[in-house]
Amino acid sequence: MKAAIFLGPEKIEVSDWEMPKISDREILIKVHYCAICGTDVRTFYHGHKKVIPPAIIGHEITGEVVEIGKNAKTDLKKGDRLVIVTSIGCGNCKLCNRGLYNLCPDTKAIGYYYQGGFAQYMVIPEPAVEQNAWVLLPESVSLLDGSLVEPLSCVINAQNYLNIHEGDTVVIYGGGPIGFMHAVLGQAQGAEKVIMVDPAFERLERFAQLFSDLILVDPGKENTIEKIKQLTDGVGADVIITACPAKQAQMESFKIAAPHSRISFFGGLPKDDSTIFIDSNLIHYYEISVFGAFASNRADYQKAVDLISSKKIDASKFITEVIPLEDIVKGINLVKSGTVLKVVVKVQE
C-alpha cells in the first residue's frame, strides 16, 4: 500500500509500505480521507515525543471497514463508513471508567502511538475495538465532510463546559479553522454575538466571508479591551475562548470577562513558556470559571456527526484544499502558512 512515512523532523516520504495484518481481535479499514491538523504540522517540523520514526501520523480519519477479526467484539460490518476516535485509554483507570479516555494517563492515541491515517489502510487496534473508538457516518455525510468530525469534536468537548445559550456574547481569539468552528458552534448554541480577534486580520476577514454575522476585531488597529467593552455596553463577554497558542490572549481574557463568565483555554502554550500572570481576585469577585480542553471522546464525535448530518454545521465551508497523498508535504506547508482553513488528504488514488 501507499503511505506517507514520517522519518524525522522535516522528513516525510510517500512510498510503498507493508500492508497491515490484523489479529483476530482487530479491524482493518480502508482510509479514504485524513485531514491535516496543526499537531501534524508541529510533528513534521519538530517531531513528537509519542511518535517514534518511522511512523504514519494523521488522526482526522474517515474510511470503510474491509476486514474484521473473527474474535473482534464489534457490531461493525464490512463496508461500514466511519470516523476513527483518536484517544485510546487504558480502559481500566478511574478516568477511563468515566469515559474520559482523552485524560487517561496512559492514553495511546491513533496517529501517535498507533499507525495513523496518512496511509491507504490502517488497523483499529484491539484496545480501540474494545472501546468502540469510532462513529458511523450516515449516508447524508460524505467521507470528505466526515474528515472534519475529529476537530469539530474537540471544539464540542471544550464547549461542553461553557454552557453557551441565547443572549450570550462570545469572544474567540484566533481565526484559524478551530476558531471558526468555535464561532459556528457558538452561533448554533444560540449566542447573540460572536466576536473574533486575530492580529492576522486580513486572513480573518477573508475566511469570515464564508460565514455569517461575525464581528471582527483587529488588535493591530483597535484596543481589544476597549472595543469589546464598547460592543457589550461596558459589561464584557459571557464566554471567551482562546483558540490560539498565545499568552497575551489568555491574560487578556480576564480583562474582557463579564461577571459570571466562562473562559476556555483551548489552545495550549509552548511547553517552555507556559506560565502566565492572572489576577485571581477577578476570578473570585466576578465568579469567573476557567476551563481547559484537550482532545475529545466518542460522545463528542457523535454530536459532531449529528451537527453535520442535520446541516446545522456545513463542514464543506471549512475545507479549503483536497490534495493527493503524494502532496502531503505541500499540504503541511499550506496549513503552516495560514492561508487555508482545512487541508484534507485524499488517501486513495
Protein backbone atom coordinates (compact mmCIF):
# COMPACT_ATOMS: atom_id res chain seq x y z
CA MET A 1 0.00 0.00 0.00
CA LYS A 2 0.99 3.65 -0.32
CA ALA A 3 1.77 5.54 2.87
CA ALA A 4 3.37 8.82 3.97
CA ILE A 5 6.18 7.74 6.28
CA PHE A 6 7.40 10.21 8.90
CA LEU A 7 11.16 9.66 9.19
CA GLY A 8 12.01 12.55 11.49
CA PRO A 9 11.75 16.35 11.53
CA GLU A 10 11.08 17.70 8.03
CA LYS A 11 11.25 14.21 6.52
CA ILE A 12 8.17 12.52 5.10
CA GLU A 13 8.49 10.00 2.29
CA VAL A 14 5.50 8.73 0.31
CA SER A 15 6.33 5.17 -0.64
CA ASP A 16 5.20 1.57 -0.57
CA TRP A 17 4.62 0.24 2.94
CA GLU A 18 3.80 -3.25 4.04
CA MET A 19 0.07 -3.94 4.07
CA PRO A 20 -1.00 -4.17 7.72
CA LYS A 21 -2.23 -7.50 9.04
CA ILE A 22 -4.84 -7.71 11.75
CA SER A 23 -5.10 -10.05 14.71
CA ASP A 24 -8.36 -11.90 15.33
CA ARG A 25 -9.45 -9.07 17.68
CA GLU A 26 -8.66 -6.15 15.35
CA ILE A 27 -10.30 -4.43 12.39
CA LEU A 28 -8.81 -3.26 9.09
CA ILE A 29 -10.12 -0.15 7.40
CA LYS A 30 -9.52 1.38 4.01
CA VAL A 31 -8.68 5.04 4.61
CA HIS A 32 -10.36 7.49 2.25
CA TYR A 33 -9.52 10.90 3.74
CA CYS A 34 -7.32 12.26 6.51
CA ALA A 35 -7.25 15.99 7.25
CA ILE A 36 -4.06 17.75 8.33
CA CYS A 37 -4.06 19.03 11.92
CA GLY A 38 -1.85 21.70 13.45
CA THR A 39 -0.29 18.95 15.54
CA ASP A 40 0.69 17.13 12.35
CA VAL A 41 2.46 20.30 11.24
CA ARG A 42 4.35 20.58 14.54
CA THR A 43 5.25 16.89 14.39
CA PHE A 44 6.58 17.26 10.86
CA TYR A 45 8.81 20.19 11.79
CA HIS A 46 9.84 19.31 15.34
CA GLY A 47 8.95 15.69 15.99
CA HIS A 48 6.71 14.48 18.82
CA LYS A 49 7.64 12.57 21.96
CA LYS A 50 4.95 9.96 21.27
CA VAL A 51 5.81 9.50 17.58
CA ILE A 52 8.79 7.21 17.02
CA PRO A 53 10.01 7.16 13.39
CA PRO A 54 9.43 5.50 11.05
CA ALA A 55 5.78 6.18 11.70
CA ILE A 56 2.50 7.02 9.98
CA ILE A 57 0.81 10.05 11.52
CA GLY A 58 -2.62 11.59 10.87
CA HIS A 59 -5.72 11.28 13.06
CA GLU A 60 -8.60 13.13 11.34
CA ILE A 61 -9.62 9.96 9.54
CA THR A 62 -12.54 8.61 7.55
CA GLY A 63 -12.68 5.20 5.95
CA GLU A 64 -14.58 1.99 5.47
CA VAL A 65 -14.34 -1.43 7.09
CA VAL A 66 -12.71 -4.07 4.86
CA GLU A 67 -11.81 -6.87 7.30
CA ILE A 68 -12.94 -7.86 10.79
CA GLY A 69 -11.03 -10.22 13.07
CA LYS A 70 -13.03 -13.36 13.87
CA ASN A 71 -12.97 -12.62 17.62
CA ALA A 72 -13.35 -8.83 17.44
CA LYS A 73 -16.07 -7.65 19.82
CA THR A 74 -17.98 -5.41 17.46
CA ASP A 75 -21.21 -4.95 15.54
CA LEU A 76 -19.36 -3.42 12.60
CA LYS A 77 -19.85 -4.90 9.16
CA LYS A 78 -17.72 -4.82 6.02
CA GLY A 79 -18.45 -1.66 4.10
CA ASP A 80 -19.43 0.40 7.13
CA ARG A 81 -18.29 4.03 6.74
CA LEU A 82 -16.78 5.56 9.85
CA VAL A 83 -14.69 8.18 11.60
CA ILE A 84 -11.95 6.95 13.92
CA VAL A 85 -11.79 8.26 17.51
CA THR A 86 -8.24 9.36 18.31
CA SER A 87 -7.90 8.90 22.09
CA ILE A 88 -7.49 5.29 23.24
CA GLY A 89 -7.27 4.94 27.02
CA CYS A 90 -6.00 2.08 29.14
CA GLY A 91 -9.60 1.05 29.78
CA ASN A 92 -9.04 0.34 33.47
CA CYS A 93 -8.37 3.59 35.33
CA LYS A 94 -10.88 5.87 37.05
CA LEU A 95 -10.89 8.31 34.12
CA CYS A 96 -11.47 5.59 31.52
CA ASN A 97 -14.31 4.21 33.63
CA ARG A 98 -15.93 7.65 33.31
CA GLY A 99 -15.42 7.63 29.53
CA LEU A 100 -12.65 10.24 29.73
CA TYR A 101 -10.17 8.31 27.61
CA ASN A 102 -8.58 11.59 26.45
CA LEU A 103 -7.40 12.27 30.01
CA CYS A 104 -6.16 8.75 30.77
CA PRO A 105 -2.55 8.95 31.99
CA ASP A 106 -1.73 6.05 29.66
CA THR A 107 -3.56 7.26 26.54
CA LYS A 108 -2.17 5.73 23.35
CA ALA A 109 -3.60 7.78 20.51
CA ILE A 110 -4.22 6.91 16.88
CA GLY A 111 -1.69 8.71 14.71
CA TYR A 112 0.81 8.92 17.56
CA TYR A 113 1.34 5.59 19.34
CA TYR A 114 -0.71 3.65 16.77
CA GLN A 115 -0.44 3.95 12.99
CA GLY A 116 -2.39 6.90 11.68
CA GLY A 117 -4.39 7.77 8.62
CA PHE A 118 -1.86 9.00 6.05
CA ALA A 119 -1.86 5.52 4.54
CA GLN A 120 -4.26 3.60 2.33
CA TYR A 121 -5.08 1.09 5.06
CA MET A 122 -4.85 1.12 8.84
CA VAL A 123 -5.62 -1.14 11.76
CA ILE A 124 -8.10 -0.38 14.51
CA PRO A 125 -6.13 -1.97 17.36
CA GLU A 126 -7.71 -4.24 19.97
CA PRO A 127 -7.96 -1.60 22.75
CA ALA A 128 -9.75 0.72 20.31
CA VAL A 129 -12.12 -2.09 19.30
CA GLU A 130 -12.91 -2.72 22.96
CA GLN A 131 -13.72 0.99 23.41
CA ASN A 132 -15.81 1.22 20.20
CA ALA A 133 -13.46 4.00 19.11
CA TRP A 134 -15.37 5.05 16.00
CA VAL A 135 -18.60 6.70 14.93
CA LEU A 136 -20.57 5.56 11.90
CA LEU A 137 -21.26 8.08 9.15
CA PRO A 138 -24.85 8.31 7.89
CA GLU A 139 -25.39 8.45 4.14
CA SER A 140 -26.10 12.19 4.48
CA VAL A 141 -22.44 12.82 5.47
CA SER A 142 -19.77 12.26 2.83
CA LEU A 143 -16.44 10.69 3.69
CA LEU A 144 -14.81 14.02 2.78
CA ASP A 145 -17.00 16.07 5.10
CA GLY A 146 -16.52 13.40 7.76
CA SER A 147 -12.84 14.32 7.96
CA LEU A 148 -13.97 17.45 9.83
CA VAL A 149 -15.61 15.41 12.62
CA GLU A 150 -12.44 15.00 14.72
CA PRO A 151 -11.54 18.72 15.02
CA LEU A 152 -15.20 19.62 15.49
CA SER A 153 -15.42 17.03 18.28
CA CYS A 154 -12.56 18.80 20.08
CA VAL A 155 -14.46 22.10 19.83
CA ILE A 156 -17.56 20.37 21.20
CA ASN A 157 -15.57 18.95 24.11
CA ALA A 158 -14.46 22.48 25.02
CA GLN A 159 -17.92 24.00 24.67
CA ASN A 160 -19.47 21.27 26.81
CA TYR A 161 -18.04 23.21 29.77
CA LEU A 162 -19.21 26.63 28.62
CA ASN A 163 -22.99 26.37 28.53
CA ILE A 164 -23.37 28.87 25.69
CA HIS A 165 -27.00 29.92 25.40
CA GLU A 166 -29.30 32.57 23.93
CA GLY A 167 -28.20 36.12 24.61
CA ASP A 168 -24.54 35.28 25.25
CA THR A 169 -21.69 37.29 23.80
CA VAL A 170 -18.81 35.01 22.81
CA VAL A 171 -15.29 36.27 22.10
CA ILE A 172 -12.86 34.00 20.25
CA TYR A 173 -9.16 34.70 20.00
CA GLY A 174 -7.79 33.03 16.87
CA GLY A 175 -9.02 32.96 13.28
CA GLY A 176 -7.88 29.51 12.22
CA PRO A 177 -10.18 26.56 11.49
CA ILE A 178 -10.70 25.84 15.19
CA GLY A 179 -11.58 29.47 15.89
CA PHE A 180 -14.22 29.45 13.15
CA MET A 181 -15.58 26.11 14.34
CA HIS A 182 -15.98 27.63 17.79
CA ALA A 183 -17.77 30.58 16.19
CA VAL A 184 -20.21 28.49 14.18
CA LEU A 185 -20.90 26.14 17.09
CA GLY A 186 -21.44 29.10 19.42
CA GLN A 187 -23.98 30.51 16.97
CA ALA A 188 -25.70 27.13 16.75
CA GLN A 189 -25.96 27.14 20.56
CA GLY A 190 -27.78 30.48 20.44
CA ALA A 191 -25.09 33.10 21.06
CA GLU A 192 -26.34 36.62 20.30
CA LYS A 193 -22.93 38.00 19.34
CA VAL A 194 -19.78 36.19 18.25
CA ILE A 195 -16.66 38.39 18.18
CA MET A 196 -13.40 37.15 16.66
CA VAL A 197 -9.97 38.64 17.37
CA ASP A 198 -6.82 37.90 15.37
CA PRO A 199 -3.76 40.04 14.54
CA ALA A 200 -3.65 38.33 11.12
CA PHE A 201 -6.66 40.43 10.30
CA GLU A 202 -6.63 40.14 6.50
CA ARG A 203 -6.82 36.36 6.85
CA LEU A 204 -9.58 36.70 9.44
CA GLU A 205 -11.59 38.94 7.11
CA ARG A 206 -11.10 36.61 4.16
CA PHE A 207 -12.32 33.48 5.93
CA ALA A 208 -15.10 35.30 7.80
CA GLN A 209 -16.77 35.89 4.42
CA LEU A 210 -17.56 32.17 4.35
CA PHE A 211 -19.72 32.51 7.42
CA SER A 212 -22.32 34.99 8.65
CA ASP A 213 -22.96 37.50 11.41
CA LEU A 214 -19.44 37.55 12.87
CA ILE A 215 -17.98 40.69 14.44
CA LEU A 216 -14.27 41.10 13.71
CA VAL A 217 -11.72 42.99 15.81
CA ASP A 218 -8.27 43.96 14.54
CA PRO A 219 -5.95 44.18 17.58
CA GLY A 220 -3.36 45.91 15.40
CA LYS A 221 -5.64 48.90 14.89
CA GLU A 222 -8.01 48.82 17.88
CA ASN A 223 -7.66 48.41 21.62
CA THR A 224 -9.25 44.99 22.01
CA ILE A 225 -10.34 45.50 25.61
CA GLU A 226 -11.96 48.86 24.91
CA LYS A 227 -13.62 47.59 21.73
CA ILE A 228 -15.17 44.58 23.40
CA LYS A 229 -16.37 46.65 26.33
CA GLN A 230 -17.95 49.00 23.79
CA LEU A 231 -19.64 46.10 21.98
CA THR A 232 -21.03 44.77 25.26
CA ASP A 233 -22.27 48.05 26.77
CA GLY A 234 -19.38 48.01 29.22
CA VAL A 235 -20.29 44.62 30.71
CA GLY A 236 -17.79 42.32 28.98
CA ALA A 237 -18.13 38.95 27.30
CA ASP A 238 -20.06 36.00 28.71
CA VAL A 239 -17.74 33.44 27.10
CA ILE A 240 -14.12 33.81 25.99
CA ILE A 241 -12.27 31.11 24.06
CA THR A 242 -8.54 31.32 23.36
CA ALA A 243 -8.23 29.18 20.24
CA CYS A 244 -4.58 30.10 19.74
CA PRO A 245 -1.24 29.42 21.47
CA ALA A 246 -0.90 33.00 22.78
CA LYS A 247 -0.14 34.07 26.36
CA GLN A 248 -1.45 37.55 25.62
CA ALA A 249 -4.86 36.17 24.69
CA GLN A 250 -5.09 34.10 27.87
CA MET A 251 -4.16 37.02 30.12
CA GLU A 252 -6.35 39.50 28.25
CA SER A 253 -9.37 37.22 28.51
CA PHE A 254 -9.82 38.14 32.18
CA LYS A 255 -9.91 41.84 31.33
CA ILE A 256 -12.87 41.43 28.98
CA ALA A 257 -14.79 38.92 31.10
CA ALA A 258 -18.25 39.80 32.39
CA PRO A 259 -19.37 38.75 35.87
CA HIS A 260 -20.24 35.03 35.93
CA SER A 261 -18.45 34.44 32.63
CA ARG A 262 -16.73 31.32 31.37
CA ILE A 263 -13.25 31.15 29.86
CA SER A 264 -11.82 28.25 27.83
CA PHE A 265 -8.08 27.87 27.36
CA PHE A 266 -8.43 25.79 24.19
CA GLY A 267 -5.03 26.49 22.67
CA GLY A 268 -2.03 25.23 24.61
CA LEU A 269 1.12 27.29 25.10
CA PRO A 270 4.70 26.28 24.22
CA LYS A 271 5.91 23.91 26.95
CA ASP A 272 8.95 26.06 27.70
CA ASP A 273 6.88 29.25 28.03
CA SER A 274 3.55 28.26 29.57
CA THR A 275 3.34 30.41 32.72
CA ILE A 276 1.01 33.40 32.75
CA PHE A 277 0.07 36.04 35.33
CA ILE A 278 -3.57 36.05 36.46
CA ASP A 279 -5.20 38.44 38.92
CA SER A 280 -7.07 35.78 40.90
CA ASN A 281 -9.27 38.45 42.53
CA LEU A 282 -11.01 38.81 39.16
CA ILE A 283 -11.91 35.11 39.30
CA HIS A 284 -13.00 35.46 42.93
CA TYR A 285 -15.09 38.63 42.87
CA TYR A 286 -16.59 38.18 39.39
CA GLU A 287 -17.22 34.44 39.78
CA ILE A 288 -15.36 33.65 36.58
CA SER A 289 -14.96 29.99 35.63
CA VAL A 290 -11.82 28.90 33.77
CA PHE A 291 -11.71 25.59 31.88
CA GLY A 292 -9.11 23.64 29.98
CA ALA A 293 -9.89 21.49 26.95
CA PHE A 294 -7.86 18.67 25.43
CA ALA A 295 -8.88 16.35 22.59
CA SER A 296 -12.31 14.68 22.81
CA ASN A 297 -14.21 11.43 23.24
CA ARG A 298 -16.69 9.29 21.35
CA ALA A 299 -19.79 11.20 22.52
CA ASP A 300 -18.28 14.42 21.12
CA TYR A 301 -17.66 12.70 17.77
CA GLN A 302 -21.26 11.54 17.65
CA LYS A 303 -22.51 15.07 18.33
CA ALA A 304 -20.21 16.38 15.59
CA VAL A 305 -21.62 13.85 13.11
CA ASP A 306 -25.17 14.80 14.12
CA LEU A 307 -24.47 18.53 13.65
CA ILE A 308 -23.01 17.95 10.17
CA SER A 309 -25.74 15.48 9.20
CA SER A 310 -28.50 17.91 10.27
CA LYS A 311 -26.81 20.75 8.30
CA LYS A 312 -26.50 22.85 11.45
CA ILE A 313 -22.82 23.00 10.57
CA ASP A 314 -21.64 22.97 6.94
CA ALA A 315 -18.36 21.06 7.01
CA SER A 316 -17.60 21.88 3.38
CA LYS A 317 -17.11 25.58 4.23
CA PHE A 318 -14.02 24.68 6.24
CA ILE A 319 -12.32 22.59 3.55
CA THR A 320 -10.01 24.82 1.52
CA GLU A 321 -7.93 22.20 -0.31
CA VAL A 322 -8.18 18.48 -1.11
CA ILE A 323 -4.82 17.05 -2.14
CA PRO A 324 -3.43 13.61 -3.06
CA LEU A 325 -1.26 11.70 -0.61
CA GLU A 326 1.81 12.46 -2.73
CA ASP A 327 1.37 16.17 -1.96
CA ILE A 328 1.24 15.80 1.81
CA VAL A 329 4.30 17.99 2.46
CA LYS A 330 2.74 20.70 0.29
CA GLY A 331 -0.40 20.37 2.38
CA ILE A 332 1.53 20.65 5.63
CA ASN A 333 3.20 23.81 4.39
CA LEU A 334 -0.16 25.26 3.33
CA VAL A 335 -1.51 24.72 6.85
CA LYS A 336 1.64 26.25 8.33
CA SER A 337 1.30 29.30 6.07
CA GLY A 338 -2.12 30.18 7.50
CA THR A 339 -3.52 30.79 4.00
CA VAL A 340 -6.06 27.95 4.32
CA LEU A 341 -8.59 26.64 6.80
CA LYS A 342 -8.53 22.85 6.42
CA VAL A 343 -6.42 20.80 4.02
CA VAL A 344 -7.68 17.25 3.53
CA VAL A 345 -5.55 14.47 2.09
CA LYS A 346 -7.37 12.12 -0.32
CA VAL A 347 -5.57 8.93 0.52
CA GLN A 348 -6.99 6.58 -2.11
CA GLU A 349 -5.86 7.12 -5.69
